[in-house]
N, C-alpha and C. Protein backbone atom coordinates (compact mmCIF):
# COMPACT_ATOMS: atom_id res chain seq x y z
N UNK A 1 201.31 75.06 51.16
CA UNK A 1 200.33 75.55 52.11
C UNK A 1 199.07 74.71 51.97
N UNK A 2 198.49 74.31 53.09
CA UNK A 2 197.30 73.47 53.08
C UNK A 2 196.06 74.29 52.71
N UNK A 3 195.18 73.66 51.97
CA UNK A 3 193.91 74.29 51.60
C UNK A 3 193.00 74.32 52.82
N UNK A 4 192.26 75.40 53.03
CA UNK A 4 191.32 75.41 54.15
C UNK A 4 190.21 74.40 53.91
N UNK A 5 189.79 73.76 54.97
CA UNK A 5 188.72 72.78 54.87
C UNK A 5 187.40 73.47 55.18
N UNK A 6 186.47 73.39 54.24
CA UNK A 6 185.15 73.97 54.45
C UNK A 6 184.25 72.92 55.07
N UNK A 7 183.65 73.29 56.18
CA UNK A 7 182.74 72.37 56.86
C UNK A 7 181.32 72.82 56.62
N UNK A 8 180.49 71.90 56.23
CA UNK A 8 179.08 72.20 56.07
C UNK A 8 178.42 72.05 57.43
N UNK A 9 177.68 73.06 57.82
CA UNK A 9 177.04 73.03 59.12
C UNK A 9 175.90 72.02 59.11
N UNK A 10 175.88 71.15 60.10
CA UNK A 10 174.86 70.12 60.20
C UNK A 10 173.77 70.58 61.17
N UNK A 11 172.60 70.83 60.68
CA UNK A 11 171.46 71.24 61.51
C UNK A 11 170.36 70.20 61.32
N UNK A 12 169.61 69.97 62.37
CA UNK A 12 168.51 69.01 62.28
C UNK A 12 167.29 69.59 61.58
N UNK A 13 167.19 70.92 61.54
CA UNK A 13 166.06 71.56 60.88
C UNK A 13 166.47 72.97 60.46
N UNK A 14 165.79 73.53 59.46
CA UNK A 14 166.12 74.88 58.98
C UNK A 14 165.88 75.93 60.07
N UNK A 15 166.68 76.97 60.04
CA UNK A 15 166.54 78.08 60.99
C UNK A 15 165.81 79.23 60.33
N UNK A 16 165.08 80.00 61.12
CA UNK A 16 164.41 81.21 60.66
C UNK A 16 164.73 82.35 61.61
N UNK A 17 165.04 83.50 61.03
CA UNK A 17 165.23 84.72 61.84
C UNK A 17 163.86 85.29 62.11
N UNK A 18 163.42 85.18 63.35
CA UNK A 18 162.10 85.68 63.71
C UNK A 18 162.10 86.07 65.18
N UNK A 19 161.47 87.19 65.46
CA UNK A 19 161.39 87.67 66.84
C UNK A 19 160.02 87.32 67.40
N UNK A 20 160.06 86.48 68.42
CA UNK A 20 158.84 86.05 69.09
C UNK A 20 159.01 86.37 70.57
N UNK A 21 158.07 87.10 71.16
CA UNK A 21 158.18 87.37 72.60
C UNK A 21 158.00 86.07 73.38
N UNK A 22 158.92 85.82 74.30
CA UNK A 22 158.87 84.61 75.11
C UNK A 22 159.01 84.98 76.58
N UNK A 23 158.57 84.05 77.43
CA UNK A 23 158.79 84.15 78.87
C UNK A 23 159.62 82.94 79.26
N UNK A 24 160.60 83.15 80.11
CA UNK A 24 161.43 82.06 80.62
C UNK A 24 161.16 81.90 82.10
N UNK A 25 161.07 80.67 82.56
CA UNK A 25 160.90 80.40 83.99
C UNK A 25 162.05 79.51 84.42
N UNK A 26 162.87 80.05 85.33
CA UNK A 26 164.06 79.34 85.80
C UNK A 26 164.18 79.53 87.30
N UNK A 27 164.29 78.44 88.03
CA UNK A 27 164.44 78.47 89.49
C UNK A 27 163.37 79.34 90.16
N UNK A 28 162.13 79.19 89.69
CA UNK A 28 161.00 79.89 90.30
C UNK A 28 160.81 81.32 89.87
N UNK A 29 161.69 81.85 89.05
CA UNK A 29 161.57 83.23 88.59
C UNK A 29 161.16 83.25 87.12
N UNK A 30 160.29 84.19 86.78
CA UNK A 30 159.83 84.35 85.39
C UNK A 30 160.38 85.68 84.88
N UNK A 31 160.91 85.66 83.65
CA UNK A 31 161.46 86.87 83.06
C UNK A 31 161.27 86.86 81.55
N UNK A 32 161.39 88.04 80.96
CA UNK A 32 161.11 88.24 79.53
C UNK A 32 162.29 87.90 78.65
N UNK A 33 161.95 87.61 77.40
CA UNK A 33 162.95 87.40 76.38
C UNK A 33 162.32 87.51 75.00
N UNK A 34 163.14 87.36 73.98
CA UNK A 34 162.65 87.34 72.61
C UNK A 34 163.56 86.42 71.81
N UNK A 35 162.96 85.70 70.88
CA UNK A 35 163.79 84.86 70.02
C UNK A 35 164.49 85.73 68.98
N UNK A 36 165.64 85.28 68.56
CA UNK A 36 166.38 85.93 67.48
C UNK A 36 166.41 85.02 66.26
N UNK A 37 166.60 83.73 66.52
CA UNK A 37 166.62 82.69 65.48
C UNK A 37 165.93 81.46 66.09
N UNK A 38 165.08 80.80 65.30
CA UNK A 38 164.41 79.59 65.79
C UNK A 38 164.55 78.45 64.78
N UNK A 39 164.45 77.22 65.28
CA UNK A 39 164.27 76.05 64.43
C UNK A 39 163.39 75.06 65.18
N UNK A 40 163.15 73.90 64.61
CA UNK A 40 162.25 72.92 65.21
C UNK A 40 162.75 72.41 66.56
N UNK A 41 164.05 72.56 66.81
CA UNK A 41 164.65 71.95 68.00
C UNK A 41 165.17 72.95 69.03
N UNK A 42 165.06 74.25 68.74
CA UNK A 42 165.59 75.21 69.70
C UNK A 42 165.58 76.62 69.16
N UNK A 43 166.41 77.47 69.78
CA UNK A 43 166.44 78.89 69.41
C UNK A 43 167.66 79.58 69.98
N UNK A 44 167.93 80.74 69.42
CA UNK A 44 168.84 81.70 70.03
C UNK A 44 167.91 82.75 70.62
N UNK A 45 168.04 82.98 71.92
CA UNK A 45 167.13 83.85 72.65
C UNK A 45 167.91 85.00 73.27
N UNK A 46 167.32 86.17 73.26
CA UNK A 46 167.80 87.30 74.06
C UNK A 46 166.96 87.32 75.32
N UNK A 47 167.57 87.15 76.49
CA UNK A 47 166.83 87.04 77.75
C UNK A 47 167.26 88.11 78.74
N UNK A 48 166.31 88.57 79.56
CA UNK A 48 166.59 89.59 80.57
C UNK A 48 167.62 89.14 81.58
N UNK A 49 167.64 87.83 81.84
CA UNK A 49 168.60 87.27 82.81
C UNK A 49 169.36 86.14 82.16
N UNK A 50 170.52 85.87 82.68
CA UNK A 50 171.32 84.77 82.16
C UNK A 50 170.87 83.47 82.82
N UNK A 51 170.94 82.38 82.07
CA UNK A 51 170.65 81.05 82.60
C UNK A 51 171.93 80.23 82.41
N UNK A 52 172.43 79.59 83.45
CA UNK A 52 173.70 78.86 83.34
C UNK A 52 173.67 77.74 82.30
N UNK A 53 174.83 77.51 81.71
CA UNK A 53 175.02 76.45 80.73
C UNK A 53 174.57 75.11 81.30
N UNK A 54 173.78 74.38 80.54
CA UNK A 54 173.31 73.07 80.94
C UNK A 54 172.03 73.06 81.76
N UNK A 55 171.64 74.22 82.28
CA UNK A 55 170.42 74.27 83.09
C UNK A 55 169.18 74.07 82.22
N UNK A 56 168.16 73.49 82.83
CA UNK A 56 166.88 73.26 82.16
C UNK A 56 165.89 74.27 82.70
N UNK A 57 165.07 74.83 81.81
CA UNK A 57 164.08 75.83 82.21
C UNK A 57 162.86 75.70 81.31
N UNK A 58 161.81 76.42 81.65
CA UNK A 58 160.59 76.45 80.85
C UNK A 58 160.59 77.69 79.98
N UNK A 59 160.25 77.52 78.71
CA UNK A 59 160.14 78.63 77.76
C UNK A 59 158.71 78.65 77.24
N UNK A 60 158.09 79.83 77.25
CA UNK A 60 156.72 79.97 76.77
C UNK A 60 156.65 81.04 75.68
N UNK A 61 155.97 80.73 74.58
CA UNK A 61 155.65 81.72 73.56
C UNK A 61 154.46 82.49 74.12
N UNK A 62 154.64 83.78 74.39
CA UNK A 62 153.56 84.54 75.04
C UNK A 62 152.42 84.85 74.07
N UNK A 63 152.65 84.70 72.77
CA UNK A 63 151.57 84.92 71.79
C UNK A 63 150.56 83.79 71.79
N UNK A 64 151.06 82.55 71.76
CA UNK A 64 150.13 81.42 71.65
C UNK A 64 150.04 80.58 72.93
N UNK A 65 150.77 80.96 73.97
CA UNK A 65 150.74 80.30 75.28
C UNK A 65 151.20 78.85 75.26
N UNK A 66 151.95 78.45 74.23
CA UNK A 66 152.52 77.10 74.17
C UNK A 66 153.89 77.16 74.82
N UNK A 67 154.21 76.15 75.63
CA UNK A 67 155.49 76.14 76.31
C UNK A 67 156.19 74.81 76.14
N UNK A 68 157.49 74.82 76.43
CA UNK A 68 158.30 73.60 76.38
C UNK A 68 159.44 73.74 77.38
N UNK A 69 160.12 72.64 77.61
CA UNK A 69 161.30 72.65 78.48
C UNK A 69 162.54 72.62 77.61
N UNK A 70 163.51 73.45 77.97
CA UNK A 70 164.72 73.63 77.18
C UNK A 70 165.96 73.50 78.05
N UNK A 71 167.07 73.24 77.40
CA UNK A 71 168.39 73.20 78.05
C UNK A 71 169.26 74.26 77.39
N UNK A 72 170.05 74.97 78.19
CA UNK A 72 170.99 75.96 77.65
C UNK A 72 172.20 75.22 77.08
N UNK A 73 172.47 75.46 75.79
CA UNK A 73 173.59 74.79 75.12
C UNK A 73 174.64 75.79 74.61
N UNK A 74 174.36 77.08 74.76
CA UNK A 74 175.29 78.11 74.29
C UNK A 74 175.05 79.38 75.09
N UNK A 75 176.13 80.06 75.45
CA UNK A 75 176.03 81.36 76.09
C UNK A 75 176.86 82.35 75.28
N UNK A 76 176.19 83.39 74.81
CA UNK A 76 176.84 84.39 73.98
C UNK A 76 177.13 85.69 74.69
N UNK A 77 176.87 85.74 75.99
CA UNK A 77 177.15 86.95 76.74
C UNK A 77 176.05 87.99 76.62
N UNK A 78 176.35 89.15 77.15
CA UNK A 78 175.41 90.26 77.18
C UNK A 78 175.47 91.03 75.87
N UNK A 79 174.32 91.19 75.21
CA UNK A 79 174.26 91.93 73.96
C UNK A 79 174.19 93.43 74.20
N UNK A 80 174.38 94.21 73.15
CA UNK A 80 174.34 95.67 73.27
C UNK A 80 172.95 96.17 73.67
N UNK A 81 171.93 95.33 73.51
CA UNK A 81 170.57 95.69 73.90
C UNK A 81 170.29 95.41 75.38
N UNK A 82 171.28 94.87 76.09
CA UNK A 82 171.12 94.59 77.51
C UNK A 82 170.52 93.22 77.81
N UNK A 83 170.33 92.41 76.77
CA UNK A 83 169.78 91.07 76.95
C UNK A 83 170.89 90.03 76.75
N UNK A 84 170.83 88.96 77.53
CA UNK A 84 171.80 87.88 77.43
C UNK A 84 171.45 86.98 76.25
N UNK A 85 172.44 86.60 75.46
CA UNK A 85 172.26 85.69 74.33
C UNK A 85 172.45 84.26 74.83
N UNK A 86 171.40 83.46 74.72
CA UNK A 86 171.52 82.06 75.11
C UNK A 86 170.96 81.17 74.00
N UNK A 87 171.69 80.13 73.68
CA UNK A 87 171.23 79.13 72.74
C UNK A 87 170.54 78.04 73.52
N UNK A 88 169.33 77.68 73.10
CA UNK A 88 168.55 76.69 73.83
C UNK A 88 168.15 75.55 72.91
N UNK A 89 168.12 74.36 73.49
CA UNK A 89 167.69 73.17 72.79
C UNK A 89 166.47 72.62 73.52
N UNK A 90 165.39 72.38 72.77
CA UNK A 90 164.20 71.79 73.38
C UNK A 90 164.51 70.36 73.79
N UNK A 91 164.01 69.94 74.93
CA UNK A 91 164.23 68.56 75.36
C UNK A 91 163.54 67.58 74.42
N UNK A 92 162.42 68.02 73.83
CA UNK A 92 161.74 67.28 72.78
C UNK A 92 161.35 68.28 71.70
N UNK A 93 161.58 67.93 70.43
CA UNK A 93 161.22 68.84 69.33
C UNK A 93 159.75 69.21 69.46
N UNK A 94 159.47 70.51 69.41
CA UNK A 94 158.11 70.99 69.61
C UNK A 94 157.90 72.25 68.78
N UNK A 95 157.86 72.12 67.44
CA UNK A 95 157.74 73.31 66.59
C UNK A 95 156.48 74.12 66.83
N UNK A 96 155.43 73.52 67.45
CA UNK A 96 154.21 74.26 67.73
C UNK A 96 154.47 75.43 68.67
N UNK A 97 155.57 75.37 69.42
CA UNK A 97 155.92 76.48 70.32
C UNK A 97 156.04 77.77 69.51
N UNK A 98 156.61 77.69 68.32
CA UNK A 98 156.83 78.88 67.50
C UNK A 98 155.59 79.26 66.69
N UNK A 99 154.62 78.37 66.58
CA UNK A 99 153.41 78.67 65.82
C UNK A 99 153.72 78.98 64.37
N UNK A 100 152.89 79.80 63.76
CA UNK A 100 153.05 80.16 62.36
C UNK A 100 154.32 80.98 62.12
N UNK A 101 154.87 81.58 63.17
CA UNK A 101 156.07 82.41 63.02
C UNK A 101 157.24 81.61 62.46
N UNK A 102 157.35 80.34 62.84
CA UNK A 102 158.47 79.52 62.34
C UNK A 102 158.35 79.30 60.84
N UNK A 103 157.15 79.07 60.36
CA UNK A 103 156.91 78.82 58.94
C UNK A 103 157.09 80.11 58.15
N UNK A 104 156.62 81.24 58.71
CA UNK A 104 156.65 82.49 57.99
C UNK A 104 157.97 83.24 58.08
N UNK A 105 158.82 82.90 59.04
CA UNK A 105 160.09 83.60 59.23
C UNK A 105 161.00 83.43 58.04
N UNK A 106 161.90 84.37 57.85
CA UNK A 106 162.84 84.29 56.73
C UNK A 106 163.99 83.38 57.11
N UNK A 107 164.53 82.62 56.16
CA UNK A 107 165.67 81.75 56.46
C UNK A 107 166.85 82.57 56.97
N UNK A 108 167.51 82.05 57.99
CA UNK A 108 168.68 82.72 58.58
C UNK A 108 169.93 82.31 57.83
N UNK A 109 170.89 83.15 57.83
CA UNK A 109 172.19 82.81 57.23
C UNK A 109 172.85 81.75 58.08
N UNK A 110 173.37 80.74 57.45
CA UNK A 110 174.05 79.66 58.20
C UNK A 110 175.48 80.01 58.45
């Protein structure tokens, strides 16, 4: 019987489990969301509406009013809280979007 191969997950930056209120703007509509996990290059977001895979949209941290443009790279479906799970990648790394929350957040399980 073959031994299972363990793969080490390759991430460009550490992840933090932190909830940050965000606003998403897609196709002229603005709607609410919250981060679940963040890193320097993106996040897992719970959003009021779904955004199609590959689409680019604007994400704003409503606490510090810093925004960036992101691409949807993962769709996790509708969560039990009624929010859609979407994985987003910033078009350019912009950790200032998360402010001090990224530094203070607890490391997420990989």
